Amino acid sequence: MPAFDDEIMANIQKSVQEIPHPSQAKGTNLYGSTKIFPDYQASEGQSYLTLVHGIPHESSVSFVAVLQATRALRKGFESVLYFYGPGALACMDTRGFPTTGDVAFPGNQNMNDSIKTFIAEGGTVFCCRFGMALHGCREEDLIEGVVPCHPLDVQDCVIHFANKGAIINSVYNL
């Protein structure tokens, strides 16, 4: 700790001692656990489409969307992820530092790992070629199993799933 005069040191000690730490022991419930809605499962033929237009690791919004799509898949929905715009960056298997696949900071590869899990469990992932091109990404750098798509497919994909009566979750962040 830097050198502080006696008054500042006394205020530091006073501040630290005002509230006991930790205020709650590890494992203490801070929130209730009552689930309000039933744990719905998909009916035969139900679909769930998630559109992602957000930069990976810049916000939790895109990551949570992938987790929701995975949960829908596990509930029996035909679940599809569609990345477009800056969301296309999430589909790159060449992310990492100092080499591809390396975790540059905690959580850096969460999106990649979650997309790979989604595909391995039977989900379908589309990635807009225009979104890739906007950010200098190449098709050969896509995560294995990701399907590259024409830019006009974004709208037609939404129409396709709307016509099927799918649940459509669209997340947008920059």
C-alpha atoms as a PDB file:
ATOM      1  CA  MET A   1       0.000   0.000   0.000  1.00  0.00           C
ATOM      2  CA  PRO A   2       1.332   3.475  -0.767  1.00  0.00           C
ATOM      3  CA  ALA A   3       2.543   5.634   2.099  1.00  0.00           C
ATOM      4  CA  PHE A   4      -0.319   7.742   3.504  1.00  0.00           C
ATOM      5  CA  ASP A   5      -0.309  10.174   6.388  1.00  0.00           C
ATOM      6  CA  ASP A   6      -1.801   9.132   9.735  1.00  0.00           C
ATOM      7  CA  GLU A   7      -5.203  10.751   9.078  1.00  0.00           C
ATOM      8  CA  ILE A   8      -5.679   8.924   5.769  1.00  0.00           C
ATOM      9  CA  MET A   9      -4.500   5.633   7.296  1.00  0.00           C
ATOM     10  CA  ALA A  10      -6.988   6.059  10.163  1.00  0.00           C
ATOM     11  CA  ASN A  11      -9.801   6.700   7.642  1.00  0.00           C
ATOM     12  CA  ILE A  12      -8.774   3.601   5.634  1.00  0.00           C
ATOM     13  CA  GLN A  13      -8.924   1.459   8.801  1.00  0.00           C
ATOM     14  CA  LYS A  14     -12.270   2.982   9.797  1.00  0.00           C
ATOM     15  CA  SER A  15     -13.725   2.384   6.325  1.00  0.00           C
ATOM     16  CA  VAL A  16     -12.580  -1.251   6.177  1.00  0.00           C
ATOM     17  CA  GLN A  17     -14.025  -1.990   9.639  1.00  0.00           C
ATOM     18  CA  GLU A  18     -17.439  -0.344   9.102  1.00  0.00           C
ATOM     19  CA  ILE A  19     -18.975  -3.458   7.540  1.00  0.00           C
ATOM     20  CA  PRO A  20     -17.783  -6.942   8.506  1.00  0.00           C
ATOM     21  CA  HIS A  21     -16.313  -8.964   5.666  1.00  0.00           C
ATOM     22  CA  PRO A  22     -17.477 -11.248   4.364  1.00  0.00           C
ATOM     23  CA  SER A  23     -20.960 -10.080   5.245  1.00  0.00           C
ATOM     24  CA  GLN A  24     -22.337 -13.499   4.319  1.00  0.00           C
ATOM     25  CA  ALA A  25     -20.635 -16.864   4.501  1.00  0.00           C
ATOM     26  CA  LYS A  26     -19.972 -18.638   1.205  1.00  0.00           C
ATOM     27  CA  GLY A  27     -23.023 -20.656   0.253  1.00  0.00           C
ATOM     28  CA  THR A  28     -25.529 -18.343   1.934  1.00  0.00           C
ATOM     29  CA  ASN A  29     -28.756 -18.002  -0.054  1.00  0.00           C
ATOM     30  CA  LEU A  30     -29.281 -14.369  -0.982  1.00  0.00           C
ATOM     31  CA  TYR A  31     -32.288 -14.961  -3.228  1.00  0.00           C
ATOM     32  CA  GLY A  32     -35.313 -17.232  -3.240  1.00  0.00           C
ATOM     33  CA  SER A  33     -35.527 -20.130  -5.679  1.00  0.00           C
ATOM     34  CA  THR A  34     -39.229 -20.295  -6.518  1.00  0.00           C
ATOM     35  CA  LYS A  35     -39.704 -20.779 -10.272  1.00  0.00           C
ATOM     36  CA  ILE A  36     -42.895 -19.029 -11.403  1.00  0.00           C
ATOM     37  CA  PHE A  37     -43.515 -20.646 -14.782  1.00  0.00           C
ATOM     38  CA  PRO A  38     -43.648 -24.353 -15.611  1.00  0.00           C
ATOM     39  CA  ASP A  39     -40.561 -25.941 -17.151  1.00  0.00           C
ATOM     40  CA  TYR A  40     -41.981 -25.978 -20.667  1.00  0.00           C
ATOM     41  CA  GLN A  41     -40.762 -28.594 -23.110  1.00  0.00           C
ATOM     42  CA  ALA A  42     -41.144 -28.390 -26.875  1.00  0.00           C
ATOM     43  CA  SER A  43     -44.148 -29.936 -28.528  1.00  0.00           C
ATOM     44  CA  GLU A  44     -43.593 -31.978 -31.663  1.00  0.00           C
ATOM     45  CA  GLY A  45     -42.141 -29.775 -34.429  1.00  0.00           C
ATOM     46  CA  GLN A  46     -41.678 -26.584 -32.401  1.00  0.00           C
ATOM     47  CA  SER A  47     -38.798 -24.321 -33.410  1.00  0.00           C
ATOM     48  CA  TYR A  48     -36.711 -21.677 -31.692  1.00  0.00           C
ATOM     49  CA  LEU A  49     -34.687 -19.164 -33.737  1.00  0.00           C
ATOM     50  CA  THR A  50     -32.108 -16.883 -32.171  1.00  0.00           C
ATOM     51  CA  LEU A  51     -30.665 -13.982 -34.161  1.00  0.00           C
ATOM     52  CA  VAL A  52     -27.395 -12.575 -32.811  1.00  0.00           C
ATOM     53  CA  HIS A  53     -26.061  -9.183 -33.924  1.00  0.00           C
ATOM     54  CA  GLY A  54     -23.454  -8.546 -31.269  1.00  0.00           C
ATOM     55  CA  ILE A  55     -19.713  -8.643 -30.751  1.00  0.00           C
ATOM     56  CA  PRO A  56     -18.534 -11.646 -28.735  1.00  0.00           C
ATOM     57  CA  HIS A  57     -17.116 -10.929 -25.262  1.00  0.00           C
ATOM     58  CA  GLU A  58     -18.108  -7.235 -25.410  1.00  0.00           C
ATOM     59  CA  SER A  59     -21.418  -7.856 -23.679  1.00  0.00           C
ATOM     60  CA  SER A  60     -23.190 -10.722 -22.000  1.00  0.00           C
ATOM     61  CA  VAL A  61     -26.223 -10.265 -24.283  1.00  0.00           C
ATOM     62  CA  SER A  62     -24.889 -12.398 -27.154  1.00  0.00           C
ATOM     63  CA  PHE A  63     -23.476 -15.022 -24.816  1.00  0.00           C
ATOM     64  CA  VAL A  64     -26.767 -15.354 -22.924  1.00  0.00           C
ATOM     65  CA  ALA A  65     -28.586 -15.699 -26.270  1.00  0.00           C
ATOM     66  CA  VAL A  66     -26.390 -18.696 -27.120  1.00  0.00           C
ATOM     67  CA  LEU A  67     -27.092 -20.195 -23.694  1.00  0.00           C
ATOM     68  CA  GLN A  68     -30.853 -19.684 -24.205  1.00  0.00           C
ATOM     69  CA  ALA A  69     -30.711 -21.321 -27.633  1.00  0.00           C
ATOM     70  CA  THR A  70     -28.882 -24.271 -26.076  1.00  0.00           C
ATOM     71  CA  ARG A  71     -31.478 -24.537 -23.331  1.00  0.00           C
ATOM     72  CA  ALA A  72     -34.255 -24.503 -25.972  1.00  0.00           C
ATOM     73  CA  LEU A  73     -32.423 -27.286 -27.820  1.00  0.00           C
ATOM     74  CA  ARG A  74     -32.273 -29.324 -24.616  1.00  0.00           C
ATOM     75  CA  LYS A  75     -36.011 -28.754 -24.130  1.00  0.00           C
ATOM     76  CA  GLY A  76     -36.636 -30.448 -27.490  1.00  0.00           C
ATOM     77  CA  PHE A  77     -36.980 -27.417 -29.768  1.00  0.00           C
ATOM     78  CA  GLU A  78     -35.480 -27.380 -33.244  1.00  0.00           C
ATOM     79  CA  SER A  79     -33.054 -24.652 -32.218  1.00  0.00           C
ATOM     80  CA  VAL A  80     -31.156 -22.451 -34.650  1.00  0.00           C
ATOM     81  CA  LEU A  81     -28.596 -19.695 -34.065  1.00  0.00           C
ATOM     82  CA  TYR A  82     -28.100 -17.106 -36.806  1.00  0.00           C
ATOM     83  CA  PHE A  83     -25.139 -14.724 -36.465  1.00  0.00           C
ATOM     84  CA  TYR A  84     -25.031 -11.623 -38.643  1.00  0.00           C
ATOM     85  CA  GLY A  85     -23.305  -8.236 -38.680  1.00  0.00           C
ATOM     86  CA  PRO A  86     -20.676  -8.097 -35.918  1.00  0.00           C
ATOM     87  CA  GLY A  87     -22.185 -11.312 -34.532  1.00  0.00           C
ATOM     88  CA  ALA A  88     -20.324 -13.141 -37.304  1.00  0.00           C
ATOM     89  CA  LEU A  89     -17.144 -12.654 -35.290  1.00  0.00           C
ATOM     90  CA  ALA A  90     -18.453 -15.154 -32.729  1.00  0.00           C
ATOM     91  CA  CYS A  91     -18.296 -17.937 -35.308  1.00  0.00           C
ATOM     92  CA  MET A  92     -14.579 -17.574 -35.954  1.00  0.00           C
ATOM     93  CA  ASP A  93     -12.468 -20.461 -34.735  1.00  0.00           C
ATOM     94  CA  THR A  94      -9.373 -18.271 -35.182  1.00  0.00           C
ATOM     95  CA  ARG A  95     -10.059 -16.137 -32.105  1.00  0.00           C
ATOM     96  CA  GLY A  96      -7.562 -16.235 -29.261  1.00  0.00           C
ATOM     97  CA  PHE A  97      -4.265 -14.757 -28.161  1.00  0.00           C
ATOM     98  CA  PRO A  98      -1.370 -15.251 -28.518  1.00  0.00           C
ATOM     99  CA  THR A  99      -2.416 -18.172 -30.719  1.00  0.00           C
ATOM    100  CA  THR A 100      -5.793 -19.307 -32.003  1.00  0.00           C
ATOM    101  CA  GLY A 101      -7.881 -20.989 -29.359  1.00  0.00           C
ATOM    102  CA  ASP A 102      -5.888 -19.521 -26.470  1.00  0.00           C
ATOM    103  CA  VAL A 103      -7.838 -17.823 -23.712  1.00  0.00           C
ATOM    104  CA  ALA A 104      -6.452 -14.277 -23.649  1.00  0.00           C
ATOM    105  CA  PHE A 105      -8.539 -13.399 -20.567  1.00  0.00           C
ATOM    106  CA  PRO A 106     -11.106 -15.341 -18.531  1.00  0.00           C
ATOM    107  CA  GLY A 107     -14.239 -15.824 -20.617  1.00  0.00           C
ATOM    108  CA  ASN A 108     -12.534 -14.930 -23.901  1.00  0.00           C
ATOM    109  CA  GLN A 109     -13.544 -18.255 -25.500  1.00  0.00           C
ATOM    110  CA  ASN A 110     -16.970 -18.643 -23.834  1.00  0.00           C
ATOM    111  CA  MET A 111     -18.832 -17.911 -27.071  1.00  0.00           C
ATOM    112  CA  ASN A 112     -16.708 -20.268 -29.146  1.00  0.00           C
ATOM    113  CA  ASP A 113     -17.010 -23.055 -26.586  1.00  0.00           C
ATOM    114  CA  SER A 114     -20.762 -22.562 -26.261  1.00  0.00           C
ATOM    115  CA  ILE A 115     -21.305 -22.518 -30.027  1.00  0.00           C
ATOM    116  CA  LYS A 116     -19.315 -25.761 -30.326  1.00  0.00           C
ATOM    117  CA  THR A 117     -21.465 -27.322 -27.574  1.00  0.00           C
ATOM    118  CA  PHE A 118     -24.634 -26.147 -29.334  1.00  0.00           C
ATOM    119  CA  ILE A 119     -23.519 -27.754 -32.612  1.00  0.00           C
ATOM    120  CA  ALA A 120     -22.368 -30.963 -30.877  1.00  0.00           C
ATOM    121  CA  GLU A 121     -25.807 -31.294 -29.247  1.00  0.00           C
ATOM    122  CA  GLY A 122     -27.609 -31.011 -32.602  1.00  0.00           C
ATOM    123  CA  GLY A 123     -28.212 -27.276 -33.017  1.00  0.00           C
ATOM    124  CA  THR A 124     -27.824 -25.509 -36.352  1.00  0.00           C
ATOM    125  CA  VAL A 125     -25.669 -22.393 -36.662  1.00  0.00           C
ATOM    126  CA  PHE A 126     -25.799 -19.986 -39.598  1.00  0.00           C
ATOM    127  CA  CYS A 127     -23.335 -17.150 -40.178  1.00  0.00           C
ATOM    128  CA  CYS A 128     -23.844 -14.279 -42.624  1.00  0.00           C
ATOM    129  CA  ARG A 129     -21.103 -14.013 -45.242  1.00  0.00           C
ATOM    130  CA  PHE A 130     -21.554 -10.244 -45.432  1.00  0.00           C
ATOM    131  CA  GLY A 131     -21.080  -9.939 -41.670  1.00  0.00           C
ATOM    132  CA  MET A 132     -17.909 -11.979 -42.061  1.00  0.00           C
ATOM    133  CA  ALA A 133     -16.680  -9.804 -44.928  1.00  0.00           C
ATOM    134  CA  LEU A 134     -17.352  -6.591 -42.989  1.00  0.00           C
ATOM    135  CA  HIS A 135     -14.885  -7.749 -40.358  1.00  0.00           C
ATOM    136  CA  GLY A 136     -12.278  -9.415 -42.588  1.00  0.00           C
ATOM    137  CA  CYS A 137     -13.233 -12.958 -41.601  1.00  0.00           C
ATOM    138  CA  ARG A 138     -12.807 -15.888 -43.958  1.00  0.00           C
ATOM    139  CA  GLU A 139     -15.144 -18.846 -44.386  1.00  0.00           C
ATOM    140  CA  GLU A 140     -12.310 -21.282 -43.750  1.00  0.00           C
ATOM    141  CA  ASP A 141     -11.955 -19.724 -40.283  1.00  0.00           C
ATOM    142  CA  LEU A 142     -15.485 -20.660 -39.207  1.00  0.00           C
ATOM    143  CA  ILE A 143     -16.046 -23.064 -36.345  1.00  0.00           C
ATOM    144  CA  GLU A 144     -16.570 -26.512 -37.818  1.00  0.00           C
ATOM    145  CA  GLY A 145     -20.251 -27.082 -38.482  1.00  0.00           C
ATOM    146  CA  VAL A 146     -21.210 -23.411 -38.904  1.00  0.00           C
ATOM    147  CA  VAL A 147     -23.111 -22.860 -42.165  1.00  0.00           C
ATOM    148  CA  PRO A 148     -22.126 -19.711 -44.127  1.00  0.00           C
ATOM    149  CA  CYS A 149     -25.127 -17.884 -45.634  1.00  0.00           C
ATOM    150  CA  HIS A 150     -25.917 -15.226 -48.210  1.00  0.00           C
ATOM    151  CA  PRO A 151     -26.780 -11.800 -46.715  1.00  0.00           C
ATOM    152  CA  LEU A 152     -30.346 -12.010 -48.047  1.00  0.00           C
ATOM    153  CA  ASP A 153     -30.856 -15.228 -46.077  1.00  0.00           C
ATOM    154  CA  VAL A 154     -31.216 -13.339 -42.773  1.00  0.00           C
ATOM    155  CA  GLN A 155     -34.638 -11.972 -43.649  1.00  0.00           C
ATOM    156  CA  ASP A 156     -35.794 -15.146 -45.384  1.00  0.00           C
ATOM    157  CA  CYS A 157     -34.696 -17.211 -42.383  1.00  0.00           C
ATOM    158  CA  VAL A 158     -36.866 -15.041 -40.127  1.00  0.00           C
ATOM    159  CA  ILE A 159     -39.796 -15.411 -42.544  1.00  0.00           C
ATOM    160  CA  HIS A 160     -39.250 -19.198 -42.703  1.00  0.00           C
ATOM    161  CA  PHE A 161     -39.321 -19.572 -38.925  1.00  0.00           C
ATOM    162  CA  ALA A 162     -42.181 -17.071 -38.470  1.00  0.00           C
ATOM    163  CA  ASN A 163     -44.224 -19.124 -40.964  1.00  0.00           C
ATOM    164  CA  LYS A 164     -43.500 -22.202 -38.817  1.00  0.00           C
ATOM    165  CA  GLY A 165     -44.758 -20.380 -35.734  1.00  0.00           C
ATOM    166  CA  ALA A 166     -41.312 -20.453 -34.128  1.00  0.00           C
ATOM    167  CA  ILE A 167     -40.269 -18.567 -31.054  1.00  0.00           C
ATOM    168  CA  ILE A 168     -37.908 -15.881 -32.353  1.00  0.00           C
ATOM    169  CA  ASN A 169     -35.352 -14.312 -30.026  1.00  0.00           C
ATOM    170  CA  SER A 170     -33.384 -11.444 -31.520  1.00  0.00           C
ATOM    171  CA  VAL A 171     -30.485  -9.819 -29.674  1.00  0.00           C
ATOM    172  CA  TYR A 172     -28.700  -6.730 -30.870  1.00  0.00           C
ATOM    173  CA  ASN A 173     -25.772  -5.044 -29.205  1.00  0.00           C
ATOM    174  CA  LEU A 174     -22.602  -3.264 -30.177  1.00  0.00           C
END
